[in-house]
Amino acid sequence: MVPSSYLDGRIEGDKGYGASLWKQLSEECLKWLKTKPSKSVLYISFGNMVSLTPQHMEEMAYALINSNMNFLWVVRKPKNAKLPEKIIESTNEKGLIVSWCNQLETLANQAIGCFVTHCRWNSTLEGLSLGVPMVAMPQWSDQMTDAKFIDENWEIGVRPKLDKFGIVRREELLFCLEEVMGGERSLLLIWETADQHASFATTFNGIYESKLIATSYKY
């Protein structure tokens, strides 16, 4: 369940899960996000367990470069060396690459407009509860199911198509980013649906996750 301080605020001091692998969001991140307009930043994070292949990293990097959008990308330190030089250069203005951040604090920031996620249940629930549209990029296990619901059932995001080698190409990812951040589907459907989920989660925090799970079993 998402901590109360991010939803209804009814439980004093309920600001986290009690234990976290992440430190608090750094001052660098906070200062950078404050300089960006509302709903203008892509937040990319695949958790602390998923390791993308060099090819996946390259496709992701060039999709971000070609999007010309603001982005905050969480990349664990061992993977930093695999990033193309152009993505490093782009961090001077449009992007910020960090090795960690507090996900709840990030998603709750008004500058965030899209969450590119591996669709683990906690990440999915946080995105839904905080009303952030998602680009679903599942890697294994139940993440596939979560991604299907994000795209087809809850309609709070999109899922890029894989090529025959199982890779999301930069052109496909770019198309999905544009759909969420400014496409026709974004304006007419995704943001409205996201706001509805956030509103319900704020009002009925304690039963929201149970409702989602119960709804999922219908399909």
C-alpha atoms as a PDB file:
ATOM      1  CA  MET A   1       0.000   0.000   0.000  1.00  0.00           C
ATOM      2  CA  VAL A   2       1.320   3.445  -0.924  1.00  0.00           C
ATOM      3  CA  PRO A   3       2.190   5.527   2.191  1.00  0.00           C
ATOM      4  CA  SER A   4      -0.596   7.818   3.361  1.00  0.00           C
ATOM      5  CA  SER A   5       1.410  11.037   3.051  1.00  0.00           C
ATOM      6  CA  TYR A   6       1.375  10.661  -0.748  1.00  0.00           C
ATOM      7  CA  LEU A   7      -2.396  10.111  -0.848  1.00  0.00           C
ATOM      8  CA  ASP A   8      -4.925  11.083   1.830  1.00  0.00           C
ATOM      9  CA  GLY A   9      -2.483  12.215   4.540  1.00  0.00           C
ATOM     10  CA  ARG A  10      -4.589  10.607   7.255  1.00  0.00           C
ATOM     11  CA  ILE A  11      -1.754   8.704   8.940  1.00  0.00           C
ATOM     12  CA  GLU A  12       0.742  11.100  10.459  1.00  0.00           C
ATOM     13  CA  GLY A  13       4.340  10.228   9.696  1.00  0.00           C
ATOM     14  CA  ASP A  14       3.460   7.556   7.125  1.00  0.00           C
ATOM     15  CA  LYS A  15       6.003   8.645   4.526  1.00  0.00           C
ATOM     16  CA  GLY A  16       7.687   5.407   3.491  1.00  0.00           C
ATOM     17  CA  TYR A  17       7.587   1.636   3.487  1.00  0.00           C
ATOM     18  CA  GLY A  18       9.690   1.345   6.624  1.00  0.00           C
ATOM     19  CA  ALA A  19      12.712   0.002   4.772  1.00  0.00           C
ATOM     20  CA  SER A  20      14.203   1.068   1.485  1.00  0.00           C
ATOM     21  CA  LEU A  21      17.226   0.307  -0.661  1.00  0.00           C
ATOM     22  CA  TRP A  22      17.187   3.954  -1.758  1.00  0.00           C
ATOM     23  CA  LYS A  23      18.284   7.079   0.068  1.00  0.00           C
ATOM     24  CA  GLN A  24      16.089  10.137   0.018  1.00  0.00           C
ATOM     25  CA  LEU A  25      15.879  11.931  -3.314  1.00  0.00           C
ATOM     26  CA  SER A  26      19.078  13.949  -3.595  1.00  0.00           C
ATOM     27  CA  GLU A  27      19.191  17.731  -3.536  1.00  0.00           C
ATOM     28  CA  GLU A  28      20.577  17.570  -7.066  1.00  0.00           C
ATOM     29  CA  CYS A  29      17.427  15.807  -8.297  1.00  0.00           C
ATOM     30  CA  LEU A  30      15.081  18.127  -6.427  1.00  0.00           C
ATOM     31  CA  LYS A  31      16.775  21.261  -7.715  1.00  0.00           C
ATOM     32  CA  TRP A  32      16.771  19.914 -11.262  1.00  0.00           C
ATOM     33  CA  LEU A  33      13.075  18.933 -11.162  1.00  0.00           C
ATOM     34  CA  LYS A  34      12.148  22.375  -9.840  1.00  0.00           C
ATOM     35  CA  THR A  35      13.499  23.928 -13.035  1.00  0.00           C
ATOM     36  CA  LYS A  36      11.174  21.864 -15.240  1.00  0.00           C
ATOM     37  CA  PRO A  37       7.543  22.634 -16.173  1.00  0.00           C
ATOM     38  CA  SER A  38       4.685  20.548 -14.832  1.00  0.00           C
ATOM     39  CA  LYS A  39       4.329  17.097 -16.431  1.00  0.00           C
ATOM     40  CA  SER A  40       7.322  17.655 -18.701  1.00  0.00           C
ATOM     41  CA  VAL A  41       9.802  15.061 -17.412  1.00  0.00           C
ATOM     42  CA  LEU A  42      10.172  11.404 -18.365  1.00  0.00           C
ATOM     43  CA  TYR A  43      11.111   9.259 -15.368  1.00  0.00           C
ATOM     44  CA  ILE A  44      12.863   6.013 -16.329  1.00  0.00           C
ATOM     45  CA  SER A  45      13.547   3.338 -13.742  1.00  0.00           C
ATOM     46  CA  PHE A  46      13.694  -0.450 -13.879  1.00  0.00           C
ATOM     47  CA  GLY A  47      14.160  -1.076 -10.187  1.00  0.00           C
ATOM     48  CA  ASN A  48      17.128  -2.563  -8.403  1.00  0.00           C
ATOM     49  CA  MET A  49      16.872  -6.078  -9.866  1.00  0.00           C
ATOM     50  CA  VAL A  50      16.586  -5.578 -13.628  1.00  0.00           C
ATOM     51  CA  SER A  51      19.735  -5.222 -15.717  1.00  0.00           C
ATOM     52  CA  LEU A  52      19.158  -4.127 -19.296  1.00  0.00           C
ATOM     53  CA  THR A  53      21.444  -5.465 -22.011  1.00  0.00           C
ATOM     54  CA  PRO A  54      23.832  -3.043 -23.742  1.00  0.00           C
ATOM     55  CA  GLN A  55      21.584  -3.106 -26.813  1.00  0.00           C
ATOM     56  CA  HIS A  56      18.499  -2.265 -24.759  1.00  0.00           C
ATOM     57  CA  MET A  57      20.424   0.554 -23.081  1.00  0.00           C
ATOM     58  CA  GLU A  58      21.489   1.972 -26.428  1.00  0.00           C
ATOM     59  CA  GLU A  59      17.963   1.899 -27.871  1.00  0.00           C
ATOM     60  CA  MET A  60      16.615   3.568 -24.738  1.00  0.00           C
ATOM     61  CA  ALA A  61      19.314   6.227 -24.820  1.00  0.00           C
ATOM     62  CA  TYR A  62      18.735   7.185 -28.444  1.00  0.00           C
ATOM     63  CA  ALA A  63      14.967   7.254 -27.968  1.00  0.00           C
ATOM     64  CA  LEU A  64      15.495   9.779 -25.169  1.00  0.00           C
ATOM     65  CA  ILE A  65      17.899  11.835 -27.262  1.00  0.00           C
ATOM     66  CA  ASN A  66      15.550  11.883 -30.250  1.00  0.00           C
ATOM     67  CA  SER A  67      12.541  12.764 -28.098  1.00  0.00           C
ATOM     68  CA  ASN A  68      14.066  16.108 -27.113  1.00  0.00           C
ATOM     69  CA  MET A  69      12.157  15.744 -23.836  1.00  0.00           C
ATOM     70  CA  ASN A  70      13.357  16.293 -20.298  1.00  0.00           C
ATOM     71  CA  PHE A  71      14.253  13.025 -18.606  1.00  0.00           C
ATOM     72  CA  LEU A  72      15.394  11.636 -15.272  1.00  0.00           C
ATOM     73  CA  TRP A  73      16.969   8.211 -15.791  1.00  0.00           C
ATOM     74  CA  VAL A  74      17.965   5.915 -12.946  1.00  0.00           C
ATOM     75  CA  VAL A  75      20.917   3.804 -14.071  1.00  0.00           C
ATOM     76  CA  ARG A  76      22.796   1.686 -11.587  1.00  0.00           C
ATOM     77  CA  LYS A  77      26.505   2.509 -11.511  1.00  0.00           C
ATOM     78  CA  PRO A  78      27.849  -0.655 -13.196  1.00  0.00           C
ATOM     79  CA  LYS A  79      25.757   0.200 -16.274  1.00  0.00           C
ATOM     80  CA  ASN A  80      26.795   3.830 -16.655  1.00  0.00           C
ATOM     81  CA  ALA A  81      29.748   2.955 -18.872  1.00  0.00           C
ATOM     82  CA  LYS A  82      27.397   1.459 -21.473  1.00  0.00           C
ATOM     83  CA  LEU A  83      25.615   4.736 -22.181  1.00  0.00           C
ATOM     84  CA  PRO A  84      26.347   6.382 -25.556  1.00  0.00           C
ATOM     85  CA  GLU A  85      28.379   9.586 -25.393  1.00  0.00           C
ATOM     86  CA  LYS A  86      25.476  11.589 -26.837  1.00  0.00           C
ATOM     87  CA  ILE A  87      23.231  10.731 -23.899  1.00  0.00           C
ATOM     88  CA  ILE A  88      25.935  11.909 -21.497  1.00  0.00           C
ATOM     89  CA  GLU A  89      26.217  15.170 -23.430  1.00  0.00           C
ATOM     90  CA  SER A  90      22.442  15.680 -23.347  1.00  0.00           C
ATOM     91  CA  THR A  91      22.462  15.683 -19.552  1.00  0.00           C
ATOM     92  CA  ASN A  92      23.863  19.199 -19.646  1.00  0.00           C
ATOM     93  CA  GLU A  93      20.350  20.553 -20.161  1.00  0.00           C
ATOM     94  CA  LYS A  94      17.586  18.092 -21.008  1.00  0.00           C
ATOM     95  CA  GLY A  95      18.466  15.101 -18.890  1.00  0.00           C
ATOM     96  CA  LEU A  96      19.701  13.938 -15.524  1.00  0.00           C
ATOM     97  CA  ILE A  97      21.184  10.476 -15.004  1.00  0.00           C
ATOM     98  CA  VAL A  98      21.442   9.233 -11.419  1.00  0.00           C
ATOM     99  CA  SER A  99      22.384   5.940  -9.812  1.00  0.00           C
ATOM    100  CA  TRP A 100      19.513   6.043  -7.318  1.00  0.00           C
ATOM    101  CA  CYS A 101      16.499   8.033  -6.174  1.00  0.00           C
ATOM    102  CA  ASN A 102      13.427   7.682  -3.998  1.00  0.00           C
ATOM    103  CA  GLN A 103      10.768   6.530  -6.443  1.00  0.00           C
ATOM    104  CA  LEU A 104       7.711   7.667  -4.498  1.00  0.00           C
ATOM    105  CA  GLU A 105       9.176  11.112  -3.971  1.00  0.00           C
ATOM    106  CA  THR A 106      10.010  11.329  -7.658  1.00  0.00           C
ATOM    107  CA  LEU A 107       6.625  10.171  -8.949  1.00  0.00           C
ATOM    108  CA  ALA A 108       4.879  12.610  -6.609  1.00  0.00           C
ATOM    109  CA  ASN A 109       6.802  15.541  -8.083  1.00  0.00           C
ATOM    110  CA  GLN A 110       4.627  17.710 -10.329  1.00  0.00           C
ATOM    111  CA  ALA A 111       7.329  17.839 -13.026  1.00  0.00           C
ATOM    112  CA  ILE A 112       6.944  14.129 -13.815  1.00  0.00           C
ATOM    113  CA  GLY A 113       4.792  13.454 -16.873  1.00  0.00           C
ATOM    114  CA  CYS A 114       5.570   9.837 -17.717  1.00  0.00           C
ATOM    115  CA  PHE A 115       6.947   6.773 -15.941  1.00  0.00           C
ATOM    116  CA  VAL A 116       8.917   4.286 -18.073  1.00  0.00           C
ATOM    117  CA  THR A 117       8.781   1.166 -15.924  1.00  0.00           C
ATOM    118  CA  HIS A 118       9.480  -2.568 -15.825  1.00  0.00           C
ATOM    119  CA  CYS A 119       6.008  -2.995 -14.278  1.00  0.00           C
ATOM    120  CA  ARG A 120       6.867  -4.710 -11.035  1.00  0.00           C
ATOM    121  CA  TRP A 121       3.757  -4.589  -8.867  1.00  0.00           C
ATOM    122  CA  ASN A 122       5.042  -1.962  -6.410  1.00  0.00           C
ATOM    123  CA  SER A 123       6.074   0.348  -9.253  1.00  0.00           C
ATOM    124  CA  THR A 124       2.779  -0.240 -11.047  1.00  0.00           C
ATOM    125  CA  LEU A 125       0.774   0.535  -7.904  1.00  0.00           C
ATOM    126  CA  GLU A 126       2.777   3.692  -7.222  1.00  0.00           C
ATOM    127  CA  GLY A 127       2.282   4.958 -10.769  1.00  0.00           C
ATOM    128  CA  LEU A 128      -1.445   4.273 -10.614  1.00  0.00           C
ATOM    129  CA  SER A 129      -1.906   5.767  -7.148  1.00  0.00           C
ATOM    130  CA  LEU A 130      -0.035   8.949  -8.006  1.00  0.00           C
ATOM    131  CA  GLY A 131      -1.727   9.353 -11.374  1.00  0.00           C
ATOM    132  CA  VAL A 132       1.376   9.112 -13.567  1.00  0.00           C
ATOM    133  CA  PRO A 133       0.870   7.647 -17.070  1.00  0.00           C
ATOM    134  CA  MET A 134       3.254   4.816 -17.904  1.00  0.00           C
ATOM    135  CA  VAL A 135       5.218   3.280 -20.734  1.00  0.00           C
ATOM    136  CA  ALA A 136       5.213  -0.396 -19.830  1.00  0.00           C
ATOM    137  CA  MET A 137       8.402  -2.352 -20.538  1.00  0.00           C
ATOM    138  CA  PRO A 138       8.101  -5.639 -18.600  1.00  0.00           C
ATOM    139  CA  GLN A 139      11.073  -7.998 -18.328  1.00  0.00           C
ATOM    140  CA  TRP A 140       9.793 -11.220 -16.762  1.00  0.00           C
ATOM    141  CA  SER A 141       7.235 -13.007 -14.563  1.00  0.00           C
ATOM    142  CA  ASP A 142       4.115 -11.107 -13.442  1.00  0.00           C
ATOM    143  CA  GLN A 143       5.455  -7.911 -14.988  1.00  0.00           C
ATOM    144  CA  MET A 144       3.990  -9.093 -18.300  1.00  0.00           C
ATOM    145  CA  THR A 145       0.525  -9.256 -16.754  1.00  0.00           C
ATOM    146  CA  ASP A 146       0.896  -5.863 -15.092  1.00  0.00           C
ATOM    147  CA  ALA A 147       1.932  -4.341 -18.431  1.00  0.00           C
ATOM    148  CA  LYS A 148      -1.127  -5.800 -20.139  1.00  0.00           C
ATOM    149  CA  PHE A 149      -3.426  -4.204 -17.566  1.00  0.00           C
ATOM    150  CA  ILE A 150      -1.626  -0.849 -17.786  1.00  0.00           C
ATOM    151  CA  ASP A 151      -2.155  -0.760 -21.538  1.00  0.00           C
ATOM    152  CA  GLU A 152      -5.389  -2.624 -22.221  1.00  0.00           C
ATOM    153  CA  ASN A 153      -7.502  -2.710 -19.065  1.00  0.00           C
ATOM    154  CA  TRP A 154      -6.685   0.254 -16.851  1.00  0.00           C
ATOM    155  CA  GLU A 155      -5.735   2.340 -19.918  1.00  0.00           C
ATOM    156  CA  ILE A 156      -3.213   4.419 -18.025  1.00  0.00           C
ATOM    157  CA  GLY A 157      -0.334   3.869 -20.421  1.00  0.00           C
ATOM    158  CA  VAL A 158       1.055   2.199 -23.511  1.00  0.00           C
ATOM    159  CA  ARG A 159       3.216  -0.849 -24.158  1.00  0.00           C
ATOM    160  CA  PRO A 160       5.889  -0.716 -26.880  1.00  0.00           C
ATOM    161  CA  LYS A 161       6.053  -3.574 -29.358  1.00  0.00           C
ATOM    162  CA  LEU A 162       9.100  -5.836 -29.440  1.00  0.00           C
ATOM    163  CA  ASP A 163      10.947  -6.651 -32.638  1.00  0.00           C
ATOM    164  CA  LYS A 164      11.685 -10.245 -33.665  1.00  0.00           C
ATOM    165  CA  PHE A 165      14.756 -10.243 -31.407  1.00  0.00           C
ATOM    166  CA  GLY A 166      12.750  -9.204 -28.348  1.00  0.00           C
ATOM    167  CA  ILE A 167      14.050  -5.638 -28.307  1.00  0.00           C
ATOM    168  CA  VAL A 168      12.112  -2.376 -28.130  1.00  0.00           C
ATOM    169  CA  ARG A 169      13.647  -0.295 -30.906  1.00  0.00           C
ATOM    170  CA  ARG A 170      14.232   3.422 -30.455  1.00  0.00           C
ATOM    171  CA  GLU A 171      11.605   4.382 -33.035  1.00  0.00           C
ATOM    172  CA  GLU A 172       8.926   2.334 -31.275  1.00  0.00           C
ATOM    173  CA  LEU A 173       9.840   3.668 -27.851  1.00  0.00           C
ATOM    174  CA  LEU A 174       9.909   7.225 -29.161  1.00  0.00           C
ATOM    175  CA  PHE A 175       6.416   6.764 -30.588  1.00  0.00           C
ATOM    176  CA  CYS A 176       5.147   5.575 -27.190  1.00  0.00           C
ATOM    177  CA  LEU A 177       6.821   8.433 -25.324  1.00  0.00           C
ATOM    178  CA  GLU A 178       5.208  10.936 -27.657  1.00  0.00           C
ATOM    179  CA  GLU A 179       1.815   9.245 -27.261  1.00  0.00           C
ATOM    180  CA  VAL A 180       1.938   9.596 -23.491  1.00  0.00           C
ATOM    181  CA  MET A 181       3.492  13.053 -23.333  1.00  0.00           C
ATOM    182  CA  GLY A 182       1.574  14.802 -26.065  1.00  0.00           C
ATOM    183  CA  GLY A 183      -0.213  12.511 -28.459  1.00  0.00           C
ATOM    184  CA  GLU A 184      -3.939  12.361 -29.121  1.00  0.00           C
ATOM    185  CA  ARG A 185      -4.343   9.326 -26.893  1.00  0.00           C
ATOM    186  CA  SER A 186      -2.578  11.132 -24.074  1.00  0.00           C
ATOM    187  CA  LEU A 187      -4.855  14.144 -24.180  1.00  0.00           C
ATOM    188  CA  LEU A 188      -8.119  12.258 -24.603  1.00  0.00           C
ATOM    189  CA  LEU A 189      -7.627   9.149 -22.507  1.00  0.00           C
ATOM    190  CA  ILE A 190      -4.460   8.449 -20.562  1.00  0.00           C
ATOM    191  CA  TRP A 191      -4.284  11.568 -18.381  1.00  0.00           C
ATOM    192  CA  GLU A 192      -8.004  11.499 -17.634  1.00  0.00           C
ATOM    193  CA  THR A 193      -7.765   7.852 -16.588  1.00  0.00           C
ATOM    194  CA  ALA A 194      -4.635   8.538 -14.541  1.00  0.00           C
ATOM    195  CA  ASP A 195      -6.382  11.326 -12.653  1.00  0.00           C
ATOM    196  CA  GLN A 196      -9.316   9.021 -11.898  1.00  0.00           C
ATOM    197  CA  HIS A 197      -7.008   6.378 -10.429  1.00  0.00           C
ATOM    198  CA  ALA A 198      -5.169   8.961  -8.342  1.00  0.00           C
ATOM    199  CA  SER A 199      -8.445  10.392  -7.047  1.00  0.00           C
ATOM    200  CA  PHE A 200      -9.765   6.969  -6.055  1.00  0.00           C
ATOM    201  CA  ALA A 201      -6.480   6.013  -4.399  1.00  0.00           C
ATOM    202  CA  THR A 202      -6.477   9.236  -2.380  1.00  0.00           C
ATOM    203  CA  THR A 203     -10.041   8.715  -1.175  1.00  0.00           C
ATOM    204  CA  PHE A 204      -9.906   4.964  -0.575  1.00  0.00           C
ATOM    205  CA  ASN A 205      -6.231   4.349   0.106  1.00  0.00           C
ATOM    206  CA  GLY A 206      -6.714   1.250   2.241  1.00  0.00           C
ATOM    207  CA  ILE A 207      -8.778  -0.693  -0.289  1.00  0.00           C
ATOM    208  CA  TYR A 208      -7.320   0.594  -3.561  1.00  0.00           C
ATOM    209  CA  GLU A 209      -4.783  -2.193  -4.046  1.00  0.00           C
ATOM    210  CA  SER A 210      -7.384  -4.851  -3.215  1.00  0.00           C
ATOM    211  CA  LYS A 211      -9.756  -3.320  -5.750  1.00  0.00           C
ATOM    212  CA  LEU A 212      -7.092  -3.428  -8.469  1.00  0.00           C
ATOM    213  CA  ILE A 213      -6.281  -7.065  -7.757  1.00  0.00           C
ATOM    214  CA  ALA A 214      -9.955  -8.026  -7.705  1.00  0.00           C
ATOM    215  CA  THR A 215     -10.513  -6.238 -11.010  1.00  0.00           C
ATOM    216  CA  SER A 216      -7.529  -8.042 -12.525  1.00  0.00           C
ATOM    217  CA  TYR A 217      -8.996 -11.449 -11.745  1.00  0.00           C
ATOM    218  CA  LYS A 218     -11.959 -10.690 -14.010  1.00  0.00           C
ATOM    219  CA  TYR A 219      -9.754 -10.869 -17.106  1.00  0.00           C
END
